[in-house]
Amino acid sequence: MHQTTPLGEFLRARREALKPQDVGLPEYGRRRVKGLRREEVAMLAGMSSDYYVRLEQGRESSPSPQVTEAVARALNLDEEATEHLHRLIQPPARRRDAANDQVSPQLRQLMDSWPASPAFVLGPALDILAANAMATALHEGFAAADNLARMVFCDPAGRAFYQDWERAAHSCVAELRAAYGHDPESPRINELADELCSASPAFAELWARHDVKSKTQEGKHLRHPRVGDLHIGFSAFTVNGAPHQQLVVYQAEPGSATAAAFERLRSSAARPKEMTLHRSDAT
């Protein structure tokens, strides 16, 4: 039995996701394999079937850049998936202490200076490393606002919070796969993936697809348990000095219903904790 490698797993998943018509090949009769055959990918990439089989089986791990580009074209990979393929072939240097990320005091102070905008810092495994008061109030319906992937797939609140749950789920797993490509040996990412594959069949199915996409600037449609529907824009920034961290900031269109809802969240987040607890105890 051949050793499985991150490269081989990615190639196999992307090959199985394609149909012959996706790459201009005729399809005759019933096919015994899922997706394309290995020899079909090899033909499209202009290489021998034996060489491509070695790539998938982990017996060849150092193809040239030209061969890598040929495989990417054969598999119809987009730009981000092609970059992911290159990283799997030549992984970057391991990030030290990636599992114990510390957010700088300056960044925490910056987030706290935005009283009207939820802001939080994500680690590579989508762990929420720090959050301002608005972000904490935004995610108050979750049992624990500690990891976005776990919140989406394992907390029942996730299905209600993310109005387009399917899109949120796909995006979440694709972002985690992108981070995995930067550090395939990351103990934290592998530990989380194993945990979620066991806990959520939906996560396991999406993880096996090997789709790759970093965080985009698309809007989000959320439903907060207290202030209702939220239609937000957001921005994600790489943190200087900690390039494995992302600063995420949610924004509401000025004068919109979401802006009004954010103001209600801000007011509740600004109340002293003692007053909030006292009121809850009294109800």
Protein backbone atom coordinates (compact mmCIF):
# COMPACT_ATOMS: atom_id res chain seq x y z
CA MET A 1 0.00 0.00 0.00
CA HIS A 2 1.42 3.36 -1.00
CA GLN A 3 1.87 6.21 1.44
CA THR A 4 -0.74 8.96 1.26
CA THR A 5 0.61 12.48 0.94
CA PRO A 6 -1.13 15.90 1.01
CA LEU A 7 -0.12 16.32 -2.63
CA GLY A 8 -1.55 12.96 -3.65
CA GLU A 9 -4.78 13.55 -1.74
CA PHE A 10 -5.26 16.91 -3.43
CA LEU A 11 -4.59 15.56 -6.94
CA ARG A 12 -6.93 12.63 -6.46
CA ALA A 13 -9.75 14.80 -5.07
CA ARG A 14 -9.48 17.34 -7.89
CA ARG A 15 -9.31 14.57 -10.53
CA GLU A 16 -12.41 12.85 -9.12
CA ALA A 17 -14.31 16.16 -9.11
CA LEU A 18 -13.98 16.52 -12.90
CA LYS A 19 -16.12 15.00 -15.62
CA PRO A 20 -14.78 14.25 -19.12
CA GLN A 21 -16.90 17.02 -20.63
CA ASP A 22 -15.32 19.51 -18.20
CA VAL A 23 -12.00 19.09 -20.03
CA GLY A 24 -13.27 18.50 -23.57
CA LEU A 25 -13.09 14.70 -23.55
CA PRO A 26 -15.85 12.48 -24.97
CA GLU A 27 -17.71 10.22 -22.58
CA TYR A 28 -18.68 6.78 -23.82
CA GLY A 29 -20.84 4.39 -21.84
CA ARG A 30 -20.66 3.82 -18.12
CA ARG A 31 -17.43 4.74 -16.37
CA ARG A 32 -16.09 2.56 -13.58
CA VAL A 33 -14.18 5.36 -11.88
CA LYS A 34 -15.34 8.57 -10.26
CA GLY A 35 -14.28 11.60 -12.27
CA LEU A 36 -11.40 11.42 -14.72
CA ARG A 37 -9.07 8.46 -15.09
CA ARG A 38 -5.42 8.93 -14.17
CA GLU A 39 -4.36 8.22 -17.73
CA GLU A 40 -6.71 10.95 -18.96
CA VAL A 41 -5.11 13.52 -16.67
CA ALA A 42 -1.68 12.34 -17.78
CA MET A 43 -2.65 12.71 -21.44
CA LEU A 44 -4.03 16.22 -20.87
CA ALA A 45 -0.85 17.19 -18.98
CA GLY A 46 1.45 15.70 -21.64
CA MET A 47 3.19 13.18 -19.38
CA SER A 48 3.33 9.43 -18.98
CA SER A 49 0.58 7.70 -17.03
CA ASP A 50 3.21 6.06 -14.83
CA TYR A 51 4.64 9.44 -13.78
CA TYR A 52 1.21 10.85 -12.90
CA VAL A 53 0.34 7.69 -10.94
CA ARG A 54 3.55 8.15 -8.95
CA LEU A 55 2.49 11.71 -8.12
CA GLU A 56 -0.88 10.60 -6.74
CA GLN A 57 0.62 7.68 -4.86
CA GLY A 58 3.27 9.77 -3.14
CA ARG A 59 6.18 8.10 -4.93
CA GLU A 60 7.10 11.32 -6.75
CA SER A 61 7.01 14.55 -4.77
CA SER A 62 9.25 16.99 -6.67
CA PRO A 63 7.83 17.71 -10.12
CA SER A 64 9.31 20.66 -12.00
CA PRO A 65 7.40 23.97 -12.15
CA GLN A 66 6.59 23.22 -15.79
CA VAL A 67 5.10 19.83 -14.91
CA THR A 68 3.17 21.38 -12.02
CA GLU A 69 1.63 23.98 -14.33
CA ALA A 70 0.73 21.28 -16.84
CA VAL A 71 -1.06 19.27 -14.14
CA ALA A 72 -2.86 22.41 -12.95
CA ARG A 73 -4.13 23.08 -16.47
CA ALA A 74 -5.19 19.46 -16.92
CA LEU A 75 -7.20 19.61 -13.68
CA ASN A 76 -8.77 22.99 -14.54
CA LEU A 77 -7.36 24.56 -11.36
CA ASP A 78 -7.99 28.25 -10.84
CA GLU A 79 -5.21 30.61 -9.78
CA GLU A 80 -5.63 30.05 -6.04
CA ALA A 81 -5.84 26.26 -6.36
CA THR A 82 -2.71 26.32 -8.58
CA GLU A 83 -0.83 28.28 -5.92
CA HIS A 84 -2.03 25.73 -3.37
CA LEU A 85 -0.65 22.93 -5.58
CA HIS A 86 2.76 24.65 -5.72
CA ARG A 87 2.77 25.01 -1.92
CA LEU A 88 2.03 21.31 -1.45
CA ILE A 89 5.00 20.47 -3.67
CA GLN A 90 7.34 22.96 -1.99
CA PRO A 91 5.91 23.64 1.47
CA PRO A 92 7.06 26.91 3.06
CA ALA A 93 9.10 26.86 6.24
CA ARG A 94 7.13 25.75 9.29
CA ARG A 95 5.59 28.58 11.29
CA ARG A 96 6.87 28.43 14.82
CA ASP A 97 4.40 28.71 17.69
CA ALA A 98 1.48 28.82 15.24
CA ALA A 99 -0.67 26.87 17.71
CA ASN A 100 -0.09 29.43 20.48
CA ASP A 101 -0.80 32.69 18.69
CA GLN A 102 -0.56 35.84 20.76
CA VAL A 103 -2.31 39.01 19.61
CA SER A 104 -0.28 42.15 20.17
CA PRO A 105 -1.53 44.74 22.67
CA GLN A 106 -1.44 47.36 19.91
CA LEU A 107 -3.83 45.32 17.74
CA ARG A 108 -6.17 44.74 20.68
CA GLN A 109 -6.18 48.47 21.38
CA LEU A 110 -6.95 49.20 17.71
CA MET A 111 -9.93 46.82 17.71
CA ASP A 112 -11.26 48.32 20.93
CA SER A 113 -11.14 51.77 19.31
CA TRP A 114 -13.90 50.66 16.91
CA PRO A 115 -16.94 50.65 19.20
CA ALA A 116 -19.43 50.40 16.32
CA SER A 117 -17.76 47.64 14.25
CA PRO A 118 -17.29 43.98 15.20
CA ALA A 119 -13.61 43.11 14.81
CA PHE A 120 -11.71 39.94 15.64
CA VAL A 121 -8.41 38.21 14.90
CA LEU A 122 -8.27 34.73 13.35
CA GLY A 123 -5.44 32.22 13.50
CA PRO A 124 -4.65 29.79 10.66
CA ALA A 125 -7.10 27.17 12.00
CA LEU A 126 -9.86 29.82 12.21
CA ASP A 127 -9.41 30.12 15.97
CA ILE A 128 -10.74 33.45 17.26
CA LEU A 129 -7.64 34.76 19.04
CA ALA A 130 -9.07 38.11 20.14
CA ALA A 131 -12.32 40.05 19.71
CA ASN A 132 -13.62 43.47 20.59
CA ALA A 133 -16.84 44.04 22.54
CA MET A 134 -18.96 44.28 19.39
CA ALA A 135 -17.66 40.99 18.00
CA THR A 136 -18.34 39.32 21.34
CA ALA A 137 -21.90 40.68 21.32
CA LEU A 138 -22.39 39.60 17.71
CA HIS A 139 -21.50 35.98 18.52
CA GLU A 140 -23.26 35.82 21.89
CA GLY A 141 -25.71 33.18 20.67
CA PHE A 142 -22.96 30.55 20.37
CA ALA A 143 -22.01 28.26 23.24
CA ALA A 144 -18.38 29.25 22.68
CA ALA A 145 -17.11 31.81 20.17
CA ASP A 146 -13.66 30.26 19.94
CA ASN A 147 -13.32 28.75 16.46
CA LEU A 148 -15.30 29.68 13.34
CA ALA A 149 -15.24 26.18 11.86
CA ARG A 150 -16.50 24.60 15.06
CA MET A 151 -19.17 27.32 15.37
CA VAL A 152 -20.41 26.66 11.82
CA PHE A 153 -20.47 22.86 11.96
CA CYS A 154 -20.87 21.83 15.60
CA ASP A 155 -22.93 24.53 17.35
CA PRO A 156 -26.69 24.40 16.61
CA ALA A 157 -26.67 28.22 16.68
CA GLY A 158 -24.61 28.21 13.47
CA ARG A 159 -27.51 27.06 11.28
CA ALA A 160 -29.63 30.01 12.42
CA PHE A 161 -26.83 32.60 12.58
CA TYR A 162 -25.59 32.07 9.01
CA GLN A 163 -28.62 32.67 6.79
CA ASP A 164 -26.85 31.05 3.82
CA TRP A 165 -25.38 28.20 5.86
CA GLU A 166 -24.29 26.15 2.84
CA ARG A 167 -22.19 29.01 1.49
CA ALA A 168 -20.73 29.72 4.94
CA ALA A 169 -19.86 26.06 5.41
CA HIS A 170 -18.18 25.74 2.01
CA SER A 171 -16.27 28.99 2.51
CA CYS A 172 -15.13 27.96 5.98
CA VAL A 173 -13.70 24.62 4.83
CA ALA A 174 -12.08 26.15 1.73
CA GLU A 175 -10.36 28.75 3.94
CA LEU A 176 -9.13 26.02 6.27
CA ARG A 177 -7.79 24.07 3.27
CA ALA A 178 -5.95 27.18 2.08
CA ALA A 179 -4.31 27.52 5.49
CA TYR A 180 -3.45 23.80 5.43
CA GLY A 181 -1.57 24.35 2.16
CA HIS A 182 0.67 26.88 3.89
CA ASP A 183 1.51 24.39 6.65
CA PRO A 184 0.41 20.77 5.95
CA GLU A 185 2.16 19.59 9.12
CA SER A 186 0.39 22.06 11.41
CA PRO A 187 -0.66 20.10 14.52
CA ARG A 188 -3.49 22.54 15.21
CA ILE A 189 -5.05 22.39 11.73
CA ASN A 190 -4.78 18.60 11.54
CA GLU A 191 -6.17 18.19 15.06
CA LEU A 192 -9.14 20.42 14.25
CA ALA A 193 -9.82 18.69 10.91
CA ASP A 194 -9.80 15.27 12.60
CA GLU A 195 -12.14 16.53 15.32
CA LEU A 196 -14.62 18.04 12.88
CA CYS A 197 -14.52 15.09 10.47
CA SER A 198 -15.60 12.88 13.39
CA ALA A 199 -18.22 15.32 14.69
CA SER A 200 -19.76 16.52 11.42
CA PRO A 201 -20.44 14.44 8.28
CA ALA A 202 -21.03 17.72 6.42
CA PHE A 203 -17.54 18.93 7.30
CA ALA A 204 -16.00 15.56 6.38
CA GLU A 205 -17.65 15.64 2.95
CA LEU A 206 -16.44 19.18 2.20
CA TRP A 207 -12.94 18.54 3.60
CA ALA A 208 -12.54 15.56 1.25
CA ARG A 209 -13.24 17.79 -1.77
CA HIS A 210 -10.01 19.78 -1.25
CA ASP A 211 -11.59 23.03 -2.44
CA VAL A 212 -9.30 25.99 -1.75
CA LYS A 213 -10.26 29.63 -1.28
CA SER A 214 -8.95 32.30 1.03
CA LYS A 215 -11.26 34.73 2.79
CA THR A 216 -13.03 36.98 0.29
CA GLN A 217 -14.70 40.36 0.59
CA GLU A 218 -18.19 39.03 -0.16
CA GLY A 219 -21.01 40.27 2.02
CA LYS A 220 -22.51 38.14 4.78
CA HIS A 221 -26.12 37.61 5.74
CA LEU A 222 -26.47 36.84 9.43
CA ARG A 223 -29.34 36.51 11.89
CA HIS A 224 -28.63 37.60 15.44
CA PRO A 225 -30.88 36.13 18.17
CA ARG A 226 -31.61 39.58 19.67
CA VAL A 227 -31.32 42.19 16.91
CA GLY A 228 -32.44 40.16 13.90
CA ASP A 229 -31.19 40.10 10.32
CA LEU A 230 -27.81 41.64 9.50
CA HIS A 231 -26.48 42.31 6.00
CA ILE A 232 -22.85 43.23 6.37
CA GLY A 233 -19.72 43.90 4.39
CA PHE A 234 -16.36 42.91 5.76
CA SER A 235 -12.65 43.28 5.21
CA ALA A 236 -9.82 40.91 6.12
CA PHE A 237 -6.24 42.08 6.63
CA THR A 238 -2.97 40.23 7.13
CA VAL A 239 -1.33 41.34 10.36
CA ASN A 240 2.19 42.73 9.99
CA GLY A 241 4.54 40.93 12.34
CA ALA A 242 2.16 37.96 12.49
CA PRO A 243 1.40 37.03 8.85
CA HIS A 244 -0.45 33.88 9.94
CA GLN A 245 -3.07 36.07 11.66
CA GLN A 246 -5.99 37.84 9.98
CA LEU A 247 -7.84 40.89 11.27
CA VAL A 248 -11.51 40.69 10.26
CA VAL A 249 -13.73 43.77 10.46
CA TYR A 250 -17.50 43.75 9.86
CA GLN A 251 -19.18 46.91 8.61
CA ALA A 252 -22.76 48.08 8.14
CA GLU A 253 -23.99 50.43 5.41
CA PRO A 254 -24.56 53.84 7.03
CA GLY A 255 -28.23 54.51 7.67
CA SER A 256 -29.24 50.91 7.03
CA ALA A 257 -31.30 48.59 9.22
CA THR A 258 -28.07 46.72 9.95
CA ALA A 259 -26.44 49.94 11.18
CA ALA A 260 -29.37 50.43 13.54
CA ALA A 261 -29.03 46.84 14.74
CA PHE A 262 -25.30 47.37 15.27
CA GLU A 263 -26.11 50.40 17.41
CA ARG A 264 -28.40 48.28 19.60
CA LEU A 265 -25.61 45.72 19.90
CA ARG A 266 -23.14 48.47 20.76
CA SER A 267 -25.40 49.81 23.49
CA SER A 268 -25.77 46.40 25.09
CA ALA A 269 -22.05 45.66 24.77
CA ALA A 270 -21.23 48.98 26.49
CA ARG A 271 -23.32 48.22 29.59
CA PRO A 272 -21.34 47.24 32.70
CA LYS A 273 -21.20 43.48 33.06
CA GLU A 274 -22.56 43.65 36.62
CA MET A 275 -25.73 45.41 35.43
CA THR A 276 -26.28 42.87 32.64
CA LEU A 277 -25.89 39.92 35.01
CA HIS A 278 -28.17 41.52 37.58
CA ARG A 279 -30.90 42.08 35.01
CA SER A 280 -30.63 38.45 33.79
CA ASP A 281 -30.90 37.14 37.31
CA ALA A 282 -34.04 39.19 37.87
CA THR A 283 -35.93 37.75 34.89
